Amino acid sequence: MKLSHALLAGALALSVAACQPAEPPAPPPASKADAEDCYRKQDYRCAAINYYGYLKLYPNETDTRAIYAIALTKSGQHALSIAQYEMAMNQGAGAYDLFANYAISLDAVGKLDESMKWNRKTLELIPGLVDVRGTLAQQLVRQGKHDEAIKLLQDFDAYLKKNNHPPYFTAQIMTIKDAKATAAAKAG
């Protein structure tokens, strides 16, 4: 066979192969059990992928959607998570961890006021969540509301002392007072 015929035959074979329909993309994983296993292992990206596929098949599972939203937050996919939180809450979901993680994602995308609103709602449900309380105090400081942040933390520490527990926020209160003094010195 001549070289030109071999090249022609090869080109013809490639063009026929190009006309063949491409394999459809594999569907996303869709196992709720795998999603739950990934979540337990703190592999939140794996969990989110599996929850996503599962919710394509069962879109009305509100509790699954809520966990999917939290997995998105925990895997750093804040912009994607917000719509999922809102869908879950519009379907009637509501829990302190849903609210707290929604607040984290809202803050991450620059919606500070909304985030603070949901942190406050979380504390209405469970006032003893020190991570949420500490985060809310930091958010207040970012807004220049040092006194409100200090009061938020001091009130909780007073409650702890009244119930024979050591205060929790002593160090954070100290740093906020220092930040307030620094801000006042810069303004004055």
N, C-alpha and C. Protein backbone atom coordinates (compact mmCIF):
# COMPACT_ATOMS: atom_id res chain seq x y z
N MET A 1 0.86 -1.16 0.00
CA MET A 1 0.00 0.00 0.00
C MET A 1 0.90 1.22 0.00
N LYS A 2 0.54 2.14 -0.82
CA LYS A 2 1.31 3.37 -0.91
C LYS A 2 1.08 4.21 0.34
N LEU A 3 2.04 5.03 0.65
CA LEU A 3 1.96 5.91 1.82
C LEU A 3 0.76 6.84 1.71
N SER A 4 0.49 7.37 0.53
CA SER A 4 -0.64 8.29 0.37
C SER A 4 -1.96 7.57 0.62
N HIS A 5 -2.04 6.31 0.20
CA HIS A 5 -3.26 5.53 0.46
C HIS A 5 -3.42 5.25 1.96
N ALA A 6 -2.32 4.96 2.62
CA ALA A 6 -2.36 4.70 4.07
C ALA A 6 -2.80 5.94 4.83
N LEU A 7 -2.27 7.10 4.43
CA LEU A 7 -2.66 8.35 5.08
C LEU A 7 -4.14 8.64 4.84
N LEU A 8 -4.61 8.41 3.62
CA LEU A 8 -6.00 8.62 3.28
C LEU A 8 -6.91 7.70 4.10
N ALA A 9 -6.50 6.43 4.22
CA ALA A 9 -7.28 5.47 4.99
C ALA A 9 -7.33 5.88 6.46
N GLY A 10 -6.20 6.35 6.99
CA GLY A 10 -6.16 6.82 8.38
C GLY A 10 -7.04 8.02 8.59
N ALA A 11 -7.02 8.97 7.67
CA ALA A 11 -7.86 10.17 7.78
C ALA A 11 -9.32 9.79 7.70
N LEU A 12 -9.66 8.84 6.81
CA LEU A 12 -11.04 8.38 6.69
C LEU A 12 -11.51 7.72 7.98
N ALA A 13 -10.63 6.91 8.58
CA ALA A 13 -10.98 6.25 9.84
C ALA A 13 -11.22 7.27 10.94
N LEU A 14 -10.39 8.30 11.00
CA LEU A 14 -10.57 9.36 12.02
C LEU A 14 -11.87 10.12 11.80
N SER A 15 -12.20 10.41 10.54
CA SER A 15 -13.43 11.15 10.28
C SER A 15 -14.65 10.31 10.61
N VAL A 16 -14.61 9.01 10.37
CA VAL A 16 -15.72 8.12 10.74
C VAL A 16 -15.85 8.08 12.26
N ALA A 17 -14.72 7.99 12.94
CA ALA A 17 -14.75 7.96 14.41
C ALA A 17 -15.32 9.26 14.96
N ALA A 18 -15.00 10.38 14.31
CA ALA A 18 -15.50 11.67 14.78
C ALA A 18 -17.01 11.77 14.59
N CYS A 19 -17.56 11.04 13.66
CA CYS A 19 -19.01 11.08 13.42
C CYS A 19 -19.78 10.23 14.41
N GLN A 20 -19.08 9.34 15.10
CA GLN A 20 -19.74 8.48 16.08
C GLN A 20 -20.22 9.36 17.25
N PRO A 21 -21.42 9.10 17.75
CA PRO A 21 -21.87 9.91 18.89
C PRO A 21 -20.97 9.67 20.09
N ALA A 22 -20.68 10.75 20.78
CA ALA A 22 -19.84 10.67 21.98
C ALA A 22 -20.61 9.96 23.08
N GLU A 23 -19.87 9.31 23.93
CA GLU A 23 -20.49 8.66 25.08
C GLU A 23 -21.13 9.73 25.96
N PRO A 24 -22.34 9.51 26.43
CA PRO A 24 -22.94 10.53 27.31
C PRO A 24 -22.12 10.62 28.60
N PRO A 25 -22.11 11.80 29.20
CA PRO A 25 -21.35 11.93 30.44
C PRO A 25 -21.98 11.05 31.52
N ALA A 26 -21.15 10.56 32.37
CA ALA A 26 -21.64 9.73 33.47
C ALA A 26 -22.49 10.59 34.39
N PRO A 27 -23.60 10.05 34.86
CA PRO A 27 -24.41 10.83 35.79
C PRO A 27 -23.66 11.03 37.10
N PRO A 28 -23.99 12.09 37.83
CA PRO A 28 -23.31 12.30 39.11
C PRO A 28 -23.67 11.16 40.06
N PRO A 29 -22.79 10.88 41.00
CA PRO A 29 -23.15 9.88 42.00
C PRO A 29 -24.46 10.29 42.67
N ALA A 30 -25.27 9.32 43.00
CA ALA A 30 -26.59 9.64 43.54
C ALA A 30 -26.96 8.73 44.70
N SER A 31 -26.04 8.46 45.56
CA SER A 31 -26.31 7.56 46.67
C SER A 31 -26.39 8.34 47.97
N LYS A 32 -27.56 8.27 48.59
CA LYS A 32 -27.72 8.93 49.89
C LYS A 32 -26.85 8.25 50.94
N ALA A 33 -26.74 6.93 50.87
CA ALA A 33 -25.90 6.20 51.82
C ALA A 33 -24.44 6.61 51.67
N ASP A 34 -23.97 6.74 50.41
CA ASP A 34 -22.59 7.18 50.20
C ASP A 34 -22.40 8.61 50.68
N ALA A 35 -23.40 9.46 50.45
CA ALA A 35 -23.33 10.85 50.92
C ALA A 35 -23.20 10.89 52.44
N GLU A 36 -24.01 10.10 53.12
CA GLU A 36 -23.97 10.07 54.57
C GLU A 36 -22.63 9.54 55.08
N ASP A 37 -22.10 8.53 54.39
CA ASP A 37 -20.79 7.98 54.77
C ASP A 37 -19.70 9.04 54.59
N CYS A 38 -19.73 9.73 53.45
CA CYS A 38 -18.75 10.80 53.21
C CYS A 38 -18.87 11.89 54.28
N TYR A 39 -20.11 12.25 54.63
CA TYR A 39 -20.35 13.31 55.61
C TYR A 39 -19.76 12.89 56.96
N ARG A 40 -20.01 11.64 57.36
CA ARG A 40 -19.47 11.14 58.63
C ARG A 40 -17.94 11.20 58.65
N LYS A 41 -17.34 10.96 57.49
CA LYS A 41 -15.88 10.98 57.37
C LYS A 41 -15.34 12.40 57.17
N GLN A 42 -16.22 13.37 57.19
CA GLN A 42 -15.91 14.78 56.99
C GLN A 42 -15.33 15.06 55.61
N ASP A 43 -15.71 14.24 54.64
CA ASP A 43 -15.36 14.48 53.24
C ASP A 43 -16.58 15.18 52.63
N TYR A 44 -16.69 16.48 52.91
CA TYR A 44 -17.90 17.21 52.57
C TYR A 44 -18.09 17.41 51.07
N ARG A 45 -17.02 17.47 50.32
CA ARG A 45 -17.15 17.59 48.86
C ARG A 45 -17.78 16.31 48.30
N CYS A 46 -17.31 15.16 48.75
CA CYS A 46 -17.89 13.88 48.33
C CYS A 46 -19.36 13.81 48.75
N ALA A 47 -19.65 14.23 49.96
CA ALA A 47 -21.03 14.23 50.44
C ALA A 47 -21.90 15.11 49.56
N ALA A 48 -21.42 16.30 49.25
CA ALA A 48 -22.21 17.24 48.44
C ALA A 48 -22.49 16.67 47.05
N ILE A 49 -21.49 16.05 46.45
CA ILE A 49 -21.69 15.47 45.12
C ILE A 49 -22.76 14.39 45.15
N ASN A 50 -22.72 13.52 46.15
CA ASN A 50 -23.71 12.45 46.24
C ASN A 50 -25.10 12.99 46.59
N TYR A 51 -25.16 13.96 47.50
CA TYR A 51 -26.46 14.56 47.81
C TYR A 51 -27.04 15.25 46.58
N TYR A 52 -26.20 15.92 45.82
CA TYR A 52 -26.65 16.59 44.59
C TYR A 52 -27.31 15.59 43.65
N GLY A 53 -26.62 14.50 43.38
CA GLY A 53 -27.19 13.48 42.49
C GLY A 53 -28.46 12.88 43.05
N TYR A 54 -28.48 12.63 44.34
CA TYR A 54 -29.66 12.05 44.98
C TYR A 54 -30.85 13.00 44.88
N LEU A 55 -30.60 14.29 45.11
CA LEU A 55 -31.69 15.26 45.05
C LEU A 55 -32.21 15.48 43.64
N LYS A 56 -31.41 15.15 42.63
CA LYS A 56 -31.92 15.18 41.25
C LYS A 56 -33.02 14.13 41.09
N LEU A 57 -32.88 13.02 41.80
CA LEU A 57 -33.87 11.94 41.73
C LEU A 57 -35.04 12.17 42.69
N TYR A 58 -34.76 12.76 43.85
CA TYR A 58 -35.76 12.96 44.90
C TYR A 58 -35.72 14.42 45.38
N PRO A 59 -36.20 15.35 44.56
CA PRO A 59 -36.03 16.78 44.86
C PRO A 59 -36.85 17.29 46.05
N ASN A 60 -37.80 16.52 46.54
CA ASN A 60 -38.65 17.00 47.62
C ASN A 60 -38.25 16.50 49.00
N GLU A 61 -37.08 15.92 49.12
CA GLU A 61 -36.59 15.48 50.43
C GLU A 61 -35.93 16.66 51.14
N THR A 62 -36.75 17.36 51.88
CA THR A 62 -36.32 18.60 52.51
C THR A 62 -35.15 18.41 53.45
N ASP A 63 -35.19 17.38 54.29
CA ASP A 63 -34.09 17.17 55.24
C ASP A 63 -32.79 16.86 54.52
N THR A 64 -32.87 16.12 53.42
CA THR A 64 -31.67 15.83 52.63
C THR A 64 -31.14 17.11 52.01
N ARG A 65 -32.02 17.97 51.54
CA ARG A 65 -31.59 19.24 50.96
C ARG A 65 -30.89 20.10 52.02
N ALA A 66 -31.39 20.07 53.23
CA ALA A 66 -30.77 20.85 54.31
C ALA A 66 -29.35 20.34 54.59
N ILE A 67 -29.18 19.03 54.64
CA ILE A 67 -27.85 18.47 54.88
C ILE A 67 -26.94 18.75 53.68
N TYR A 68 -27.50 18.71 52.47
CA TYR A 68 -26.73 19.05 51.27
C TYR A 68 -26.21 20.49 51.37
N ALA A 69 -27.06 21.40 51.80
CA ALA A 69 -26.65 22.80 51.95
C ALA A 69 -25.50 22.91 52.95
N ILE A 70 -25.61 22.21 54.06
CA ILE A 70 -24.55 22.24 55.08
C ILE A 70 -23.26 21.65 54.52
N ALA A 71 -23.36 20.55 53.76
CA ALA A 71 -22.17 19.94 53.15
C ALA A 71 -21.51 20.93 52.18
N LEU A 72 -22.33 21.68 51.45
CA LEU A 72 -21.77 22.70 50.55
C LEU A 72 -21.00 23.76 51.35
N THR A 73 -21.58 24.21 52.44
CA THR A 73 -20.90 25.20 53.29
C THR A 73 -19.59 24.64 53.81
N LYS A 74 -19.64 23.43 54.33
CA LYS A 74 -18.45 22.83 54.93
C LYS A 74 -17.37 22.52 53.89
N SER A 75 -17.76 22.43 52.62
CA SER A 75 -16.77 22.21 51.57
C SER A 75 -16.36 23.52 50.90
N GLY A 76 -16.82 24.65 51.46
CA GLY A 76 -16.41 25.95 50.97
C GLY A 76 -17.16 26.45 49.75
N GLN A 77 -18.26 25.81 49.41
CA GLN A 77 -19.05 26.20 48.24
C GLN A 77 -20.21 27.09 48.67
N HIS A 78 -19.86 28.23 49.23
CA HIS A 78 -20.83 29.11 49.88
C HIS A 78 -21.89 29.66 48.93
N ALA A 79 -21.48 30.11 47.77
CA ALA A 79 -22.45 30.69 46.83
C ALA A 79 -23.49 29.64 46.41
N LEU A 80 -23.07 28.41 46.20
CA LEU A 80 -24.01 27.34 45.83
C LEU A 80 -24.94 26.98 46.99
N SER A 81 -24.42 27.06 48.19
CA SER A 81 -25.20 26.62 49.35
C SER A 81 -26.40 27.50 49.64
N ILE A 82 -26.28 28.78 49.37
CA ILE A 82 -27.32 29.73 49.78
C ILE A 82 -28.68 29.37 49.18
N ALA A 83 -28.73 29.07 47.90
CA ALA A 83 -30.00 28.70 47.26
C ALA A 83 -30.56 27.42 47.89
N GLN A 84 -29.69 26.51 48.27
CA GLN A 84 -30.15 25.25 48.88
C GLN A 84 -30.74 25.49 50.27
N TYR A 85 -30.10 26.36 51.06
CA TYR A 85 -30.67 26.71 52.37
C TYR A 85 -32.05 27.33 52.19
N GLU A 86 -32.16 28.25 51.25
CA GLU A 86 -33.43 28.94 51.05
C GLU A 86 -34.51 27.98 50.58
N MET A 87 -34.16 27.04 49.70
CA MET A 87 -35.13 26.03 49.27
C MET A 87 -35.56 25.16 50.45
N ALA A 88 -34.59 24.72 51.24
CA ALA A 88 -34.91 23.86 52.38
C ALA A 88 -35.81 24.59 53.38
N MET A 89 -35.49 25.85 53.66
CA MET A 89 -36.32 26.60 54.61
C MET A 89 -37.69 26.91 54.03
N ASN A 90 -37.77 27.16 52.73
CA ASN A 90 -39.08 27.36 52.09
C ASN A 90 -39.92 26.10 52.10
N GLN A 91 -39.26 24.95 52.22
CA GLN A 91 -39.96 23.67 52.32
C GLN A 91 -40.25 23.30 53.78
N GLY A 92 -39.92 24.18 54.71
CA GLY A 92 -40.26 23.97 56.11
C GLY A 92 -39.14 23.52 57.01
N ALA A 93 -37.92 23.41 56.51
CA ALA A 93 -36.80 22.99 57.36
C ALA A 93 -36.41 24.13 58.30
N GLY A 94 -35.98 23.77 59.47
CA GLY A 94 -35.51 24.75 60.43
C GLY A 94 -34.82 24.05 61.58
N ALA A 95 -33.57 24.40 61.81
CA ALA A 95 -32.79 23.82 62.90
C ALA A 95 -31.61 24.74 63.16
N TYR A 96 -31.08 24.66 64.36
CA TYR A 96 -29.99 25.58 64.72
C TYR A 96 -28.78 25.40 63.81
N ASP A 97 -28.45 24.15 63.44
CA ASP A 97 -27.27 23.95 62.60
C ASP A 97 -27.50 24.44 61.18
N LEU A 98 -28.74 24.36 60.72
CA LEU A 98 -29.10 24.91 59.41
C LEU A 98 -28.89 26.42 59.42
N PHE A 99 -29.40 27.09 60.46
CA PHE A 99 -29.28 28.54 60.58
C PHE A 99 -27.82 28.96 60.72
N ALA A 100 -27.07 28.25 61.57
CA ALA A 100 -25.67 28.62 61.84
C ALA A 100 -24.82 28.49 60.58
N ASN A 101 -25.02 27.42 59.84
CA ASN A 101 -24.22 27.23 58.62
C ASN A 101 -24.66 28.18 57.50
N TYR A 102 -25.94 28.48 57.45
CA TYR A 102 -26.44 29.48 56.50
C TYR A 102 -25.75 30.82 56.78
N ALA A 103 -25.64 31.17 58.06
CA ALA A 103 -24.97 32.42 58.44
C ALA A 103 -23.51 32.42 57.99
N ILE A 104 -22.84 31.27 58.10
CA ILE A 104 -21.44 31.17 57.67
C ILE A 104 -21.33 31.47 56.18
N SER A 105 -22.21 30.86 55.39
CA SER A 105 -22.15 31.07 53.93
C SER A 105 -22.53 32.49 53.56
N LEU A 106 -23.53 33.05 54.22
CA LEU A 106 -23.90 34.44 53.94
C LEU A 106 -22.72 35.38 54.20
N ASP A 107 -22.04 35.17 55.31
CA ASP A 107 -20.89 36.01 55.64
C ASP A 107 -19.78 35.82 54.59
N ALA A 108 -19.58 34.58 54.17
CA ALA A 108 -18.51 34.29 53.21
C ALA A 108 -18.73 34.97 51.86
N VAL A 109 -19.99 35.22 51.50
CA VAL A 109 -20.27 35.89 50.22
C VAL A 109 -20.51 37.38 50.40
N GLY A 110 -20.23 37.89 51.60
CA GLY A 110 -20.30 39.34 51.83
C GLY A 110 -21.65 39.87 52.28
N LYS A 111 -22.53 39.01 52.72
CA LYS A 111 -23.85 39.45 53.20
C LYS A 111 -23.84 39.47 54.73
N LEU A 112 -23.08 40.42 55.27
CA LEU A 112 -22.83 40.48 56.71
C LEU A 112 -24.11 40.69 57.51
N ASP A 113 -24.94 41.64 57.12
CA ASP A 113 -26.16 41.91 57.90
C ASP A 113 -27.08 40.69 57.95
N GLU A 114 -27.24 40.02 56.81
CA GLU A 114 -28.08 38.81 56.80
C GLU A 114 -27.45 37.71 57.66
N SER A 115 -26.15 37.58 57.57
CA SER A 115 -25.45 36.58 58.37
C SER A 115 -25.68 36.82 59.86
N MET A 116 -25.57 38.08 60.26
CA MET A 116 -25.78 38.42 61.67
C MET A 116 -27.21 38.09 62.10
N LYS A 117 -28.16 38.35 61.23
CA LYS A 117 -29.57 38.03 61.52
C LYS A 117 -29.72 36.53 61.81
N TRP A 118 -29.08 35.70 60.98
CA TRP A 118 -29.21 34.25 61.17
C TRP A 118 -28.39 33.77 62.35
N ASN A 119 -27.28 34.42 62.67
CA ASN A 119 -26.55 34.06 63.89
C ASN A 119 -27.40 34.38 65.12
N ARG A 120 -28.11 35.51 65.09
CA ARG A 120 -29.00 35.85 66.21
C ARG A 120 -30.13 34.83 66.34
N LYS A 121 -30.69 34.40 65.20
CA LYS A 121 -31.75 33.39 65.25
C LYS A 121 -31.23 32.08 65.83
N THR A 122 -29.99 31.74 65.46
CA THR A 122 -29.38 30.53 66.00
C THR A 122 -29.27 30.62 67.52
N LEU A 123 -28.84 31.79 68.01
CA LEU A 123 -28.70 31.97 69.46
C LEU A 123 -30.04 32.02 70.16
N GLU A 124 -31.10 32.43 69.46
CA GLU A 124 -32.44 32.35 70.05
C GLU A 124 -32.81 30.90 70.33
N LEU A 125 -32.39 30.01 69.44
CA LEU A 125 -32.70 28.59 69.62
C LEU A 125 -31.82 27.94 70.68
N ILE A 126 -30.51 28.22 70.60
CA ILE A 126 -29.56 27.62 71.54
C ILE A 126 -28.57 28.71 71.98
N PRO A 127 -28.88 29.40 73.07
CA PRO A 127 -28.04 30.51 73.51
C PRO A 127 -26.62 30.11 73.90
N GLY A 128 -26.39 28.85 74.20
CA GLY A 128 -25.08 28.40 74.66
C GLY A 128 -24.09 28.07 73.57
N LEU A 129 -24.41 28.32 72.33
CA LEU A 129 -23.47 28.02 71.24
C LEU A 129 -22.37 29.08 71.21
N VAL A 130 -21.26 28.75 71.85
CA VAL A 130 -20.19 29.75 72.00
C VAL A 130 -19.53 30.08 70.67
N ASP A 131 -19.49 29.15 69.74
CA ASP A 131 -18.87 29.47 68.45
C ASP A 131 -19.70 30.50 67.69
N VAL A 132 -21.01 30.35 67.73
CA VAL A 132 -21.90 31.31 67.06
C VAL A 132 -21.85 32.66 67.78
N ARG A 133 -21.87 32.64 69.09
CA ARG A 133 -21.81 33.87 69.88
C ARG A 133 -20.49 34.61 69.61
N GLY A 134 -19.39 33.87 69.59
CA GLY A 134 -18.10 34.49 69.32
C GLY A 134 -18.02 35.07 67.92
N THR A 135 -18.59 34.36 66.95
CA THR A 135 -18.62 34.85 65.57
C THR A 135 -19.46 36.11 65.46
N LEU A 136 -20.62 36.12 66.11
CA LEU A 136 -21.47 37.30 66.09
C LEU A 136 -20.75 38.50 66.71
N ALA A 137 -20.02 38.27 67.78
CA ALA A 137 -19.25 39.36 68.40
C ALA A 137 -18.21 39.89 67.42
N GLN A 138 -17.54 39.01 66.70
CA GLN A 138 -16.56 39.45 65.70
C GLN A 138 -17.23 40.26 64.60
N GLN A 139 -18.42 39.84 64.20
CA GLN A 139 -19.15 40.57 63.16
C GLN A 139 -19.53 41.96 63.66
N LEU A 140 -19.94 42.06 64.91
CA LEU A 140 -20.27 43.36 65.48
C LEU A 140 -19.04 44.27 65.50
N VAL A 141 -17.89 43.71 65.83
CA VAL A 141 -16.65 44.49 65.83
C VAL A 141 -16.36 44.99 64.42
N ARG A 142 -16.55 44.14 63.42
CA ARG A 142 -16.32 44.55 62.03
C ARG A 142 -17.21 45.73 61.65
N GLN A 143 -18.36 45.83 62.30
CA GLN A 143 -19.25 46.96 62.04
C GLN A 143 -18.96 48.14 62.95
N GLY A 144 -17.96 48.03 63.79
CA GLY A 144 -17.61 49.11 64.70
C GLY A 144 -18.47 49.15 65.95
N LYS A 145 -19.20 48.09 66.22
CA LYS A 145 -20.09 48.03 67.39
C LYS A 145 -19.42 47.27 68.53
N HIS A 146 -18.31 47.81 68.99
CA HIS A 146 -17.50 47.16 70.02
C HIS A 146 -18.28 46.96 71.31
N ASP A 147 -19.00 47.99 71.75
CA ASP A 147 -19.73 47.88 73.02
C ASP A 147 -20.80 46.79 72.96
N GLU A 148 -21.50 46.70 71.84
CA GLU A 148 -22.51 45.66 71.70
C GLU A 148 -21.88 44.27 71.71
N ALA A 149 -20.72 44.14 71.08
CA ALA A 149 -20.00 42.86 71.07
C ALA A 149 -19.57 42.48 72.48
N ILE A 150 -19.02 43.45 73.19
CA ILE A 150 -18.57 43.19 74.57
C ILE A 150 -19.76 42.77 75.43
N LYS A 151 -20.87 43.47 75.32
CA LYS A 151 -22.07 43.13 76.12
C LYS A 151 -22.57 41.73 75.78
N LEU A 152 -22.58 41.38 74.50
CA LEU A 152 -23.03 40.05 74.08
C LEU A 152 -22.22 38.96 74.79
N LEU A 153 -20.93 39.19 74.88
CA LEU A 153 -20.06 38.18 75.50
C LEU A 153 -20.09 38.25 77.03
N GLN A 154 -20.11 39.47 77.57
CA GLN A 154 -20.15 39.61 79.03
C GLN A 154 -21.44 39.05 79.62
N ASP A 155 -22.55 39.25 78.94
CA ASP A 155 -23.83 38.71 79.43
C ASP A 155 -23.77 37.18 79.55
N PHE A 156 -23.16 36.55 78.56
CA PHE A 156 -23.07 35.09 78.60
C PHE A 156 -22.11 34.64 79.70
N ASP A 157 -20.99 35.35 79.84
CA ASP A 157 -20.05 35.01 80.91
C ASP A 157 -20.68 35.20 82.28
N ALA A 158 -21.50 36.23 82.44
CA ALA A 158 -22.20 36.45 83.71
C ALA A 158 -23.15 35.30 84.01
N TYR A 159 -23.84 34.82 82.97
CA TYR A 159 -24.72 33.66 83.11
C TYR A 159 -23.91 32.43 83.57
N LEU A 160 -22.75 32.23 82.97
CA LEU A 160 -21.92 31.09 83.35
C LEU A 160 -21.48 31.20 84.81
N LYS A 161 -21.01 32.39 85.20
CA LYS A 161 -20.56 32.60 86.58
C LYS A 161 -21.70 32.35 87.56
N LYS A 162 -22.89 32.84 87.22
CA LYS A 162 -24.07 32.65 88.08
C LYS A 162 -24.37 31.17 88.28
N ASN A 163 -24.03 30.36 87.30
CA ASN A 163 -24.29 28.93 87.38
C ASN A 163 -23.02 28.13 87.71
N ASN A 164 -22.09 28.80 88.40
CA ASN A 164 -20.87 28.17 88.91
C ASN A 164 -19.98 27.56 87.83
N HIS A 165 -19.90 28.24 86.69
CA HIS A 165 -19.00 27.83 85.61
C HIS A 165 -18.02 28.98 85.35
N PRO A 166 -16.83 28.65 84.91
CA PRO A 166 -15.89 29.73 84.61
C PRO A 166 -16.33 30.49 83.36
N PRO A 167 -15.97 31.76 83.27
CA PRO A 167 -16.31 32.53 82.07
C PRO A 167 -15.59 31.95 80.86
N TYR A 168 -16.20 32.12 79.71
CA TYR A 168 -15.67 31.55 78.48
C TYR A 168 -14.98 32.59 77.61
N PHE A 169 -15.49 33.80 77.62
CA PHE A 169 -15.07 34.80 76.64
C PHE A 169 -14.07 35.84 77.17
N THR A 170 -13.41 35.57 78.25
CA THR A 170 -12.50 36.54 78.85
C THR A 170 -11.47 37.06 77.84
N ALA A 171 -10.82 36.18 77.13
CA ALA A 171 -9.78 36.60 76.17
C ALA A 171 -10.38 37.39 75.01
N GLN A 172 -11.51 36.94 74.50
CA GLN A 172 -12.12 37.66 73.37
C GLN A 172 -12.59 39.05 73.79
N ILE A 173 -13.12 39.15 75.01
CA ILE A 173 -13.53 40.46 75.52
C ILE A 173 -12.32 41.39 75.62
N MET A 174 -11.21 40.85 76.09
CA MET A 174 -9.98 41.66 76.19
C MET A 174 -9.56 42.18 74.82
N THR A 175 -9.58 41.33 73.82
CA THR A 175 -9.13 41.76 72.49
C THR A 175 -10.10 42.77 71.88
N ILE A 176 -11.37 42.61 72.16
CA ILE A 176 -12.35 43.58 71.63
C ILE A 176 -12.17 44.93 72.30
N LYS A 177 -11.90 44.93 73.61
CA LYS A 177 -11.63 46.19 74.30
C LYS A 177 -10.39 46.87 73.73
N ASP A 178 -9.35 46.07 73.43
CA ASP A 178 -8.14 46.63 72.81
C ASP A 178 -8.46 47.18 71.42
N ALA A 179 -9.27 46.44 70.65
CA ALA A 179 -9.63 46.91 69.32
C ALA A 179 -10.43 48.20 69.40
N LYS A 180 -11.29 48.29 70.41
CA LYS A 180 -12.09 49.52 70.59
C LYS A 180 -11.17 50.69 70.91
N ALA A 181 -10.18 50.48 71.78
CA ALA A 181 -9.24 51.55 72.13
C ALA A 181 -8.42 51.97 70.90
N THR A 182 -8.00 51.01 70.10
CA THR A 182 -7.24 51.31 68.90
C THR A 182 -8.08 52.11 67.92
N ALA A 183 -9.33 51.70 67.74
CA ALA A 183 -10.23 52.41 66.82
C ALA A 183 -10.47 53.84 67.31
N ALA A 184 -10.64 54.00 68.62
CA ALA A 184 -10.86 55.34 69.19
C ALA A 184 -9.62 56.22 69.01
N ALA A 185 -8.43 55.63 69.17
CA ALA A 185 -7.18 56.40 69.01
C ALA A 185 -7.02 56.85 67.55
N LYS A 186 -7.37 56.00 66.61
CA LYS A 186 -7.27 56.35 65.19
C LYS A 186 -8.28 57.43 64.82
N ALA A 187 -9.46 57.37 65.44
CA ALA A 187 -10.52 58.34 65.13
C ALA A 187 -10.24 59.68 65.79
N GLY A 188 -9.57 59.65 66.93
CA GLY A 188 -9.38 60.87 67.72
C GLY A 188 -8.19 61.61 67.33
